[in-house]
Amino acid sequence: MVNRIFIFRLVDDLNLTVLDFTDFGKEFIKSQKVSPDSFVQLAIQLAFYRMHGVPGATYESASTRVYQEGRTEGKTDHIYVKDQCN
């Protein structure tokens, strides 16, 4: 069992800020032919790049279930377009 004191220390060390973004929503993102999930993932990757100067590691599951004996596979994407990140 995890030590309760350890958990409380982790909780005490947590900083959380919530931004209520109201400039546009998922309908605008969809009207641009982009999924809201993809939009948020790209925003997180761009923020990481701007903070650290290097692209972050990404992981995306890829389903092959439509094929015989298919399953969900993990894939790592390495997409790096430096000119678009500045």
C-alpha atoms as a PDB file:
ATOM      1  CA  MET A   1       0.000   0.000   0.000  1.00  0.00           C
ATOM      2  CA  VAL A   2       1.212   3.475  -0.856  1.00  0.00           C
ATOM      3  CA  ASN A   3       2.328   5.587   2.066  1.00  0.00           C
ATOM      4  CA  ARG A   4      -0.377   8.202   2.828  1.00  0.00           C
ATOM      5  CA  ILE A   5       2.238  10.782   3.833  1.00  0.00           C
ATOM      6  CA  PHE A   6       3.902  10.390   0.427  1.00  0.00           C
ATOM      7  CA  ILE A   7       0.568  10.988  -1.311  1.00  0.00           C
ATOM      8  CA  PHE A   8      -0.155  14.095   0.774  1.00  0.00           C
ATOM      9  CA  ARG A   9       3.294  15.462  -0.097  1.00  0.00           C
ATOM     10  CA  LEU A  10       2.565  14.960  -3.786  1.00  0.00           C
ATOM     11  CA  VAL A  11      -0.785  16.719  -3.446  1.00  0.00           C
ATOM     12  CA  ASP A  12       0.802  19.614  -1.555  1.00  0.00           C
ATOM     13  CA  ASP A  13       3.385  19.961  -4.342  1.00  0.00           C
ATOM     14  CA  LEU A  14       0.722  20.257  -7.061  1.00  0.00           C
ATOM     15  CA  ASN A  15       0.050  23.593  -8.740  1.00  0.00           C
ATOM     16  CA  LEU A  16      -3.009  23.827 -10.941  1.00  0.00           C
ATOM     17  CA  THR A  17      -4.208  26.745 -13.006  1.00  0.00           C
ATOM     18  CA  VAL A  18      -7.410  26.619 -15.030  1.00  0.00           C
ATOM     19  CA  LEU A  19      -7.904  28.920 -17.998  1.00  0.00           C
ATOM     20  CA  ASP A  20     -11.471  29.602 -19.051  1.00  0.00           C
ATOM     21  CA  PHE A  21     -10.885  30.181 -22.771  1.00  0.00           C
ATOM     22  CA  THR A  22     -13.902  31.792 -24.438  1.00  0.00           C
ATOM     23  CA  ASP A  23     -12.482  33.191 -27.706  1.00  0.00           C
ATOM     24  CA  PHE A  24     -13.767  30.189 -29.669  1.00  0.00           C
ATOM     25  CA  GLY A  25     -14.901  26.638 -29.059  1.00  0.00           C
ATOM     26  CA  LYS A  26     -15.072  23.213 -30.614  1.00  0.00           C
ATOM     27  CA  GLU A  27     -17.515  24.259 -33.324  1.00  0.00           C
ATOM     28  CA  PHE A  28     -15.003  26.711 -34.794  1.00  0.00           C
ATOM     29  CA  ILE A  29     -12.259  24.081 -34.615  1.00  0.00           C
ATOM     30  CA  LYS A  30     -14.525  21.566 -36.388  1.00  0.00           C
ATOM     31  CA  SER A  31     -15.385  24.167 -39.041  1.00  0.00           C
ATOM     32  CA  GLN A  32     -11.667  24.269 -39.832  1.00  0.00           C
ATOM     33  CA  LYS A  33     -11.759  20.499 -40.504  1.00  0.00           C
ATOM     34  CA  VAL A  34      -9.686  19.700 -37.392  1.00  0.00           C
ATOM     35  CA  SER A  35     -10.768  17.492 -34.515  1.00  0.00           C
ATOM     36  CA  PRO A  36     -10.848  19.278 -31.136  1.00  0.00           C
ATOM     37  CA  ASP A  37      -8.635  16.561 -29.639  1.00  0.00           C
ATOM     38  CA  SER A  38      -5.999  17.049 -32.342  1.00  0.00           C
ATOM     39  CA  PHE A  39      -6.153  20.806 -31.841  1.00  0.00           C
ATOM     40  CA  VAL A  40      -5.464  20.483 -28.117  1.00  0.00           C
ATOM     41  CA  GLN A  41      -2.664  17.952 -28.686  1.00  0.00           C
ATOM     42  CA  LEU A  42      -0.976  20.312 -31.145  1.00  0.00           C
ATOM     43  CA  ALA A  43      -1.359  23.213 -28.702  1.00  0.00           C
ATOM     44  CA  ILE A  44       0.311  21.169 -25.949  1.00  0.00           C
ATOM     45  CA  GLN A  45       3.159  20.164 -28.283  1.00  0.00           C
ATOM     46  CA  LEU A  46       3.678  23.757 -29.408  1.00  0.00           C
ATOM     47  CA  ALA A  47       3.705  25.002 -25.803  1.00  0.00           C
ATOM     48  CA  PHE A  48       6.290  22.335 -24.893  1.00  0.00           C
ATOM     49  CA  TYR A  49       8.475  23.342 -27.823  1.00  0.00           C
ATOM     50  CA  ARG A  50       8.271  27.029 -26.941  1.00  0.00           C
ATOM     51  CA  MET A  51       9.162  26.286 -23.303  1.00  0.00           C
ATOM     52  CA  HIS A  52      12.006  23.828 -23.901  1.00  0.00           C
ATOM     53  CA  GLY A  53      13.243  24.550 -27.434  1.00  0.00           C
ATOM     54  CA  VAL A  54      12.927  20.906 -28.486  1.00  0.00           C
ATOM     55  CA  PRO A  55       9.913  18.880 -29.630  1.00  0.00           C
ATOM     56  CA  GLY A  56       8.429  16.642 -26.968  1.00  0.00           C
ATOM     57  CA  ALA A  57       7.899  12.932 -27.276  1.00  0.00           C
ATOM     58  CA  THR A  58       4.450  11.962 -28.523  1.00  0.00           C
ATOM     59  CA  TYR A  59       2.496   8.731 -28.441  1.00  0.00           C
ATOM     60  CA  GLU A  60      -0.638   7.812 -30.328  1.00  0.00           C
ATOM     61  CA  SER A  61      -2.517   4.551 -30.475  1.00  0.00           C
ATOM     62  CA  ALA A  62      -3.331   3.156 -33.893  1.00  0.00           C
ATOM     63  CA  SER A  63      -6.088   0.623 -34.307  1.00  0.00           C
ATOM     64  CA  THR A  64      -5.628  -2.296 -36.673  1.00  0.00           C
ATOM     65  CA  ARG A  65      -8.787  -4.090 -35.498  1.00  0.00           C
ATOM     66  CA  VAL A  66     -10.364  -4.011 -38.963  1.00  0.00           C
ATOM     67  CA  TYR A  67      -7.700  -6.460 -40.110  1.00  0.00           C
ATOM     68  CA  GLN A  68      -7.623 -10.162 -39.307  1.00  0.00           C
ATOM     69  CA  GLU A  69      -6.286 -10.583 -35.750  1.00  0.00           C
ATOM     70  CA  GLY A  70      -5.980  -6.809 -35.520  1.00  0.00           C
ATOM     71  CA  ARG A  71      -5.386  -5.001 -32.254  1.00  0.00           C
ATOM     72  CA  THR A  72      -4.430  -1.597 -30.953  1.00  0.00           C
ATOM     73  CA  GLU A  73      -0.796  -0.733 -31.549  1.00  0.00           C
ATOM     74  CA  GLY A  74       1.228   2.074 -30.079  1.00  0.00           C
ATOM     75  CA  LYS A  75       3.197   4.336 -32.336  1.00  0.00           C
ATOM     76  CA  THR A  76       5.541   7.187 -31.659  1.00  0.00           C
ATOM     77  CA  ASP A  77       5.474  10.109 -34.056  1.00  0.00           C
ATOM     78  CA  HIS A  78       8.447  12.348 -34.665  1.00  0.00           C
ATOM     79  CA  ILE A  79       7.142  15.360 -36.498  1.00  0.00           C
ATOM     80  CA  TYR A  80       9.456  18.327 -36.511  1.00  0.00           C
ATOM     81  CA  VAL A  81       8.759  21.475 -38.459  1.00  0.00           C
ATOM     82  CA  LYS A  82      11.022  24.098 -36.925  1.00  0.00           C
ATOM     83  CA  ASP A  83       9.857  27.029 -39.073  1.00  0.00           C
ATOM     84  CA  GLN A  84       6.256  26.568 -37.886  1.00  0.00           C
ATOM     85  CA  CYS A  85       7.180  26.586 -34.191  1.00  0.00           C
ATOM     86  CA  ASN A  86       8.769  30.020 -33.959  1.00  0.00           C
END
